[in-house]
Amino acid sequence: MEMSHPAVHPVAVPPALTEPPPRVRMKDYQGMPGTLGGLALRLAQLGFAVLSFSIMVSTPDFTQVTAFCYLVAATVLQTCWSGILAVVDIYALLVRRSLHHSFLVGLFSVGDGVTSTLTFAAACATAGITVLIDNDLGQCGENHCGKFEAAAAMAFLTWVMATPSFLLTFWLLATS
């Protein structure tokens, strides 16, 4: 009796489903968290904030003006934020870790945005009161206008150093 045997016919292998190419990580630009440029920006923010705070606190009557107290509070917050993130940057550089985790980048972006905005507002308020005392009231002789101007200038420099940190972390958050 003749039986039929199953025939095996060669079948072409279907093409493999092509997966999308792996996501390319954004290049670490200097100034982003975890880079030497980022650390330099953090240390500059820290230094200018400490200078602004020190100059303002060295005047005996800064507590009489709300804008000057606001500058002191803003620079203390900026000092704490920049100091903590400088330590994080140093750690990331020492262990060669990337700080591109979306939660961390979001936290850095929001913190940089808030602290830079507060510092800028405090610097503007201090500069405005100093101009009022000097130009409009003409009482700069009995006040410490030079110190107030120096503190406002250091606060503006703090803001100038904080803004690139915010923009780069925001860009990193948007692209990751």
Protein backbone atom coordinates (compact mmCIF):
# COMPACT_ATOMS: atom_id res chain seq x y z
CA MET A 1 0.00 0.00 0.00
CA GLU A 2 1.27 3.28 -1.00
CA MET A 3 1.15 6.00 1.59
CA SER A 4 1.62 9.56 1.08
CA HIS A 5 4.44 11.19 2.89
CA PRO A 6 4.29 14.73 3.94
CA ALA A 7 6.38 16.84 1.69
CA VAL A 8 8.52 19.57 3.10
CA HIS A 9 8.74 22.49 0.80
CA PRO A 10 11.31 25.15 1.52
CA VAL A 11 9.62 28.32 2.56
CA ALA A 12 11.32 31.64 2.43
CA VAL A 13 11.90 33.22 5.80
CA PRO A 14 9.64 36.22 6.15
CA PRO A 15 11.53 39.44 6.57
CA ALA A 16 12.06 40.33 10.17
CA LEU A 17 10.08 43.22 11.45
CA THR A 18 12.44 46.09 11.44
CA GLU A 19 12.51 47.93 14.68
CA PRO A 20 12.95 51.65 14.66
CA PRO A 21 16.54 52.67 15.08
CA PRO A 22 17.57 53.18 18.69
CA ARG A 23 17.05 56.68 19.99
CA VAL A 24 20.11 58.76 19.79
CA ARG A 25 20.96 60.50 23.00
CA MET A 26 21.51 64.18 22.88
CA LYS A 27 25.12 65.18 22.98
CA ASP A 28 26.24 66.51 26.33
CA TYR A 29 26.75 70.19 25.68
CA GLN A 30 28.86 72.10 28.16
CA GLY A 31 26.55 73.73 30.66
CA MET A 32 24.16 70.79 30.98
CA PRO A 33 23.94 68.98 34.31
CA GLY A 34 26.79 66.55 34.87
CA THR A 35 29.34 68.37 32.68
CA LEU A 36 32.30 70.54 33.58
CA GLY A 37 30.53 73.54 32.05
CA GLY A 38 27.47 72.83 34.18
CA LEU A 39 29.63 72.65 37.27
CA ALA A 40 31.29 75.94 36.35
CA LEU A 41 27.89 77.61 35.93
CA ARG A 42 26.74 76.24 39.30
CA LEU A 43 29.87 77.46 41.07
CA ALA A 44 29.54 80.90 39.44
CA GLN A 45 25.89 81.09 40.56
CA LEU A 46 26.91 80.07 44.04
CA GLY A 47 29.74 82.60 44.21
CA PHE A 48 27.73 85.58 42.95
CA ALA A 49 24.76 84.72 45.19
CA VAL A 50 27.03 84.51 48.25
CA LEU A 51 28.65 87.84 47.31
CA SER A 52 25.28 89.53 46.87
CA PHE A 53 24.05 88.13 50.18
CA SER A 54 27.24 89.13 52.01
CA ILE A 55 27.23 92.67 50.67
CA MET A 56 23.57 93.21 51.52
CA VAL A 57 23.86 91.75 55.02
CA SER A 58 26.92 93.92 55.72
CA THR A 59 24.72 97.02 55.67
CA PRO A 60 23.11 97.60 59.06
CA ASP A 61 19.80 98.96 57.76
CA PHE A 62 18.87 96.55 54.98
CA THR A 63 15.98 95.18 57.06
CA GLN A 64 14.11 98.47 56.78
CA VAL A 65 13.37 97.95 53.08
CA THR A 66 11.29 95.00 51.90
CA ALA A 67 13.06 94.75 48.54
CA PHE A 68 16.41 94.34 50.29
CA CYS A 69 15.01 91.60 52.53
CA TYR A 70 13.61 89.94 49.40
CA LEU A 71 17.08 90.03 47.83
CA VAL A 72 18.56 88.37 50.89
CA ALA A 73 15.89 85.64 50.83
CA ALA A 74 16.30 85.06 47.08
CA THR A 75 20.09 84.82 47.31
CA VAL A 76 19.85 82.38 50.22
CA LEU A 77 17.53 80.19 48.15
CA GLN A 78 19.81 80.49 45.12
CA THR A 79 22.84 79.62 47.26
CA CYS A 80 21.18 76.50 48.63
CA TRP A 81 19.94 75.36 45.20
CA SER A 82 23.24 76.02 43.42
CA GLY A 83 25.24 74.41 46.21
CA ILE A 84 23.17 71.23 46.17
CA LEU A 85 23.33 70.94 42.39
CA ALA A 86 27.06 71.65 42.38
CA VAL A 87 27.50 68.66 44.71
CA VAL A 88 25.31 66.56 42.38
CA ASP A 89 27.39 67.68 39.37
CA ILE A 90 30.62 66.82 41.17
CA TYR A 91 29.26 63.37 42.04
CA ALA A 92 28.12 62.79 38.44
CA LEU A 93 31.54 63.80 37.12
CA LEU A 94 33.41 61.61 39.61
CA VAL A 95 31.41 58.46 38.91
CA ARG A 96 30.93 59.32 35.22
CA ARG A 97 27.14 59.12 35.37
CA SER A 98 24.76 60.87 33.06
CA LEU A 99 22.08 63.05 34.58
CA HIS A 100 19.64 62.55 31.72
CA HIS A 101 16.95 60.81 33.78
CA SER A 102 13.68 62.54 32.94
CA PHE A 103 12.64 63.05 36.58
CA LEU A 104 15.99 64.62 37.50
CA VAL A 105 16.04 66.83 34.43
CA GLY A 106 12.49 67.98 35.15
CA LEU A 107 13.40 68.76 38.75
CA PHE A 108 16.52 70.66 37.68
CA SER A 109 14.57 72.60 35.07
CA VAL A 110 11.79 73.67 37.42
CA GLY A 111 14.24 74.53 40.21
CA ASP A 112 16.47 76.54 37.89
CA GLY A 113 13.48 78.38 36.46
CA VAL A 114 12.06 79.28 39.87
CA THR A 115 15.35 80.33 41.46
CA SER A 116 16.52 82.36 38.45
CA THR A 117 13.17 84.16 38.25
CA LEU A 118 13.21 84.96 41.97
CA THR A 119 16.79 86.20 41.79
CA PHE A 120 16.03 88.39 38.78
CA ALA A 121 12.95 89.89 40.46
CA ALA A 122 14.91 90.57 43.66
CA ALA A 123 17.75 92.19 41.72
CA CYS A 124 15.28 94.41 39.84
CA ALA A 125 13.51 95.41 43.05
CA THR A 126 16.80 96.23 44.76
CA ALA A 127 18.03 98.24 41.79
CA GLY A 128 14.74 100.13 41.67
CA ILE A 129 14.85 101.08 45.33
CA THR A 130 18.50 102.08 45.01
CA VAL A 131 17.66 104.37 42.07
CA LEU A 132 14.80 105.83 44.10
CA ILE A 133 17.09 106.56 47.05
CA ASP A 134 19.86 107.98 44.88
CA ASN A 135 18.21 109.86 42.03
CA ASP A 136 14.75 110.73 43.29
CA LEU A 137 15.27 111.27 47.01
CA GLY A 138 18.90 112.37 46.87
CA GLN A 139 19.66 110.60 50.14
CA CYS A 140 22.56 108.48 49.01
CA GLY A 141 24.95 110.25 51.36
CA GLU A 142 23.35 108.89 54.51
CA ASN A 143 22.50 105.49 52.99
CA HIS A 144 24.73 102.74 51.66
CA CYS A 145 23.95 103.19 47.98
CA GLY A 146 27.28 101.79 46.85
CA LYS A 147 26.71 98.57 48.73
CA PHE A 148 23.11 98.34 47.54
CA GLU A 149 24.25 98.80 43.94
CA ALA A 150 26.98 96.20 44.34
CA ALA A 151 24.53 93.70 45.85
CA ALA A 152 22.09 94.29 42.99
CA ALA A 153 24.89 93.88 40.44
CA MET A 154 25.98 90.57 42.00
CA ALA A 155 22.34 89.42 41.97
CA PHE A 156 22.08 90.27 38.27
CA LEU A 157 25.27 88.31 37.62
CA THR A 158 23.77 85.40 39.56
CA TRP A 159 20.77 85.55 37.26
CA VAL A 160 23.01 85.75 34.18
CA MET A 161 24.72 82.52 35.31
CA ALA A 162 21.44 80.80 36.27
CA THR A 163 19.61 81.47 33.01
CA PRO A 164 21.83 79.28 30.79
CA SER A 165 21.46 76.46 33.32
CA PHE A 166 17.70 76.78 33.10
CA LEU A 167 17.63 76.98 29.30
CA LEU A 168 19.91 73.97 28.85
CA THR A 169 18.04 71.78 31.32
CA PHE A 170 14.73 72.82 29.77
CA TRP A 171 16.08 71.96 26.31
CA LEU A 172 17.31 68.61 27.61
CA LEU A 173 13.89 67.95 29.15
CA ALA A 174 12.13 68.81 25.89
CA THR A 175 14.38 66.60 23.76
CA SER A 176 14.59 63.53 25.98
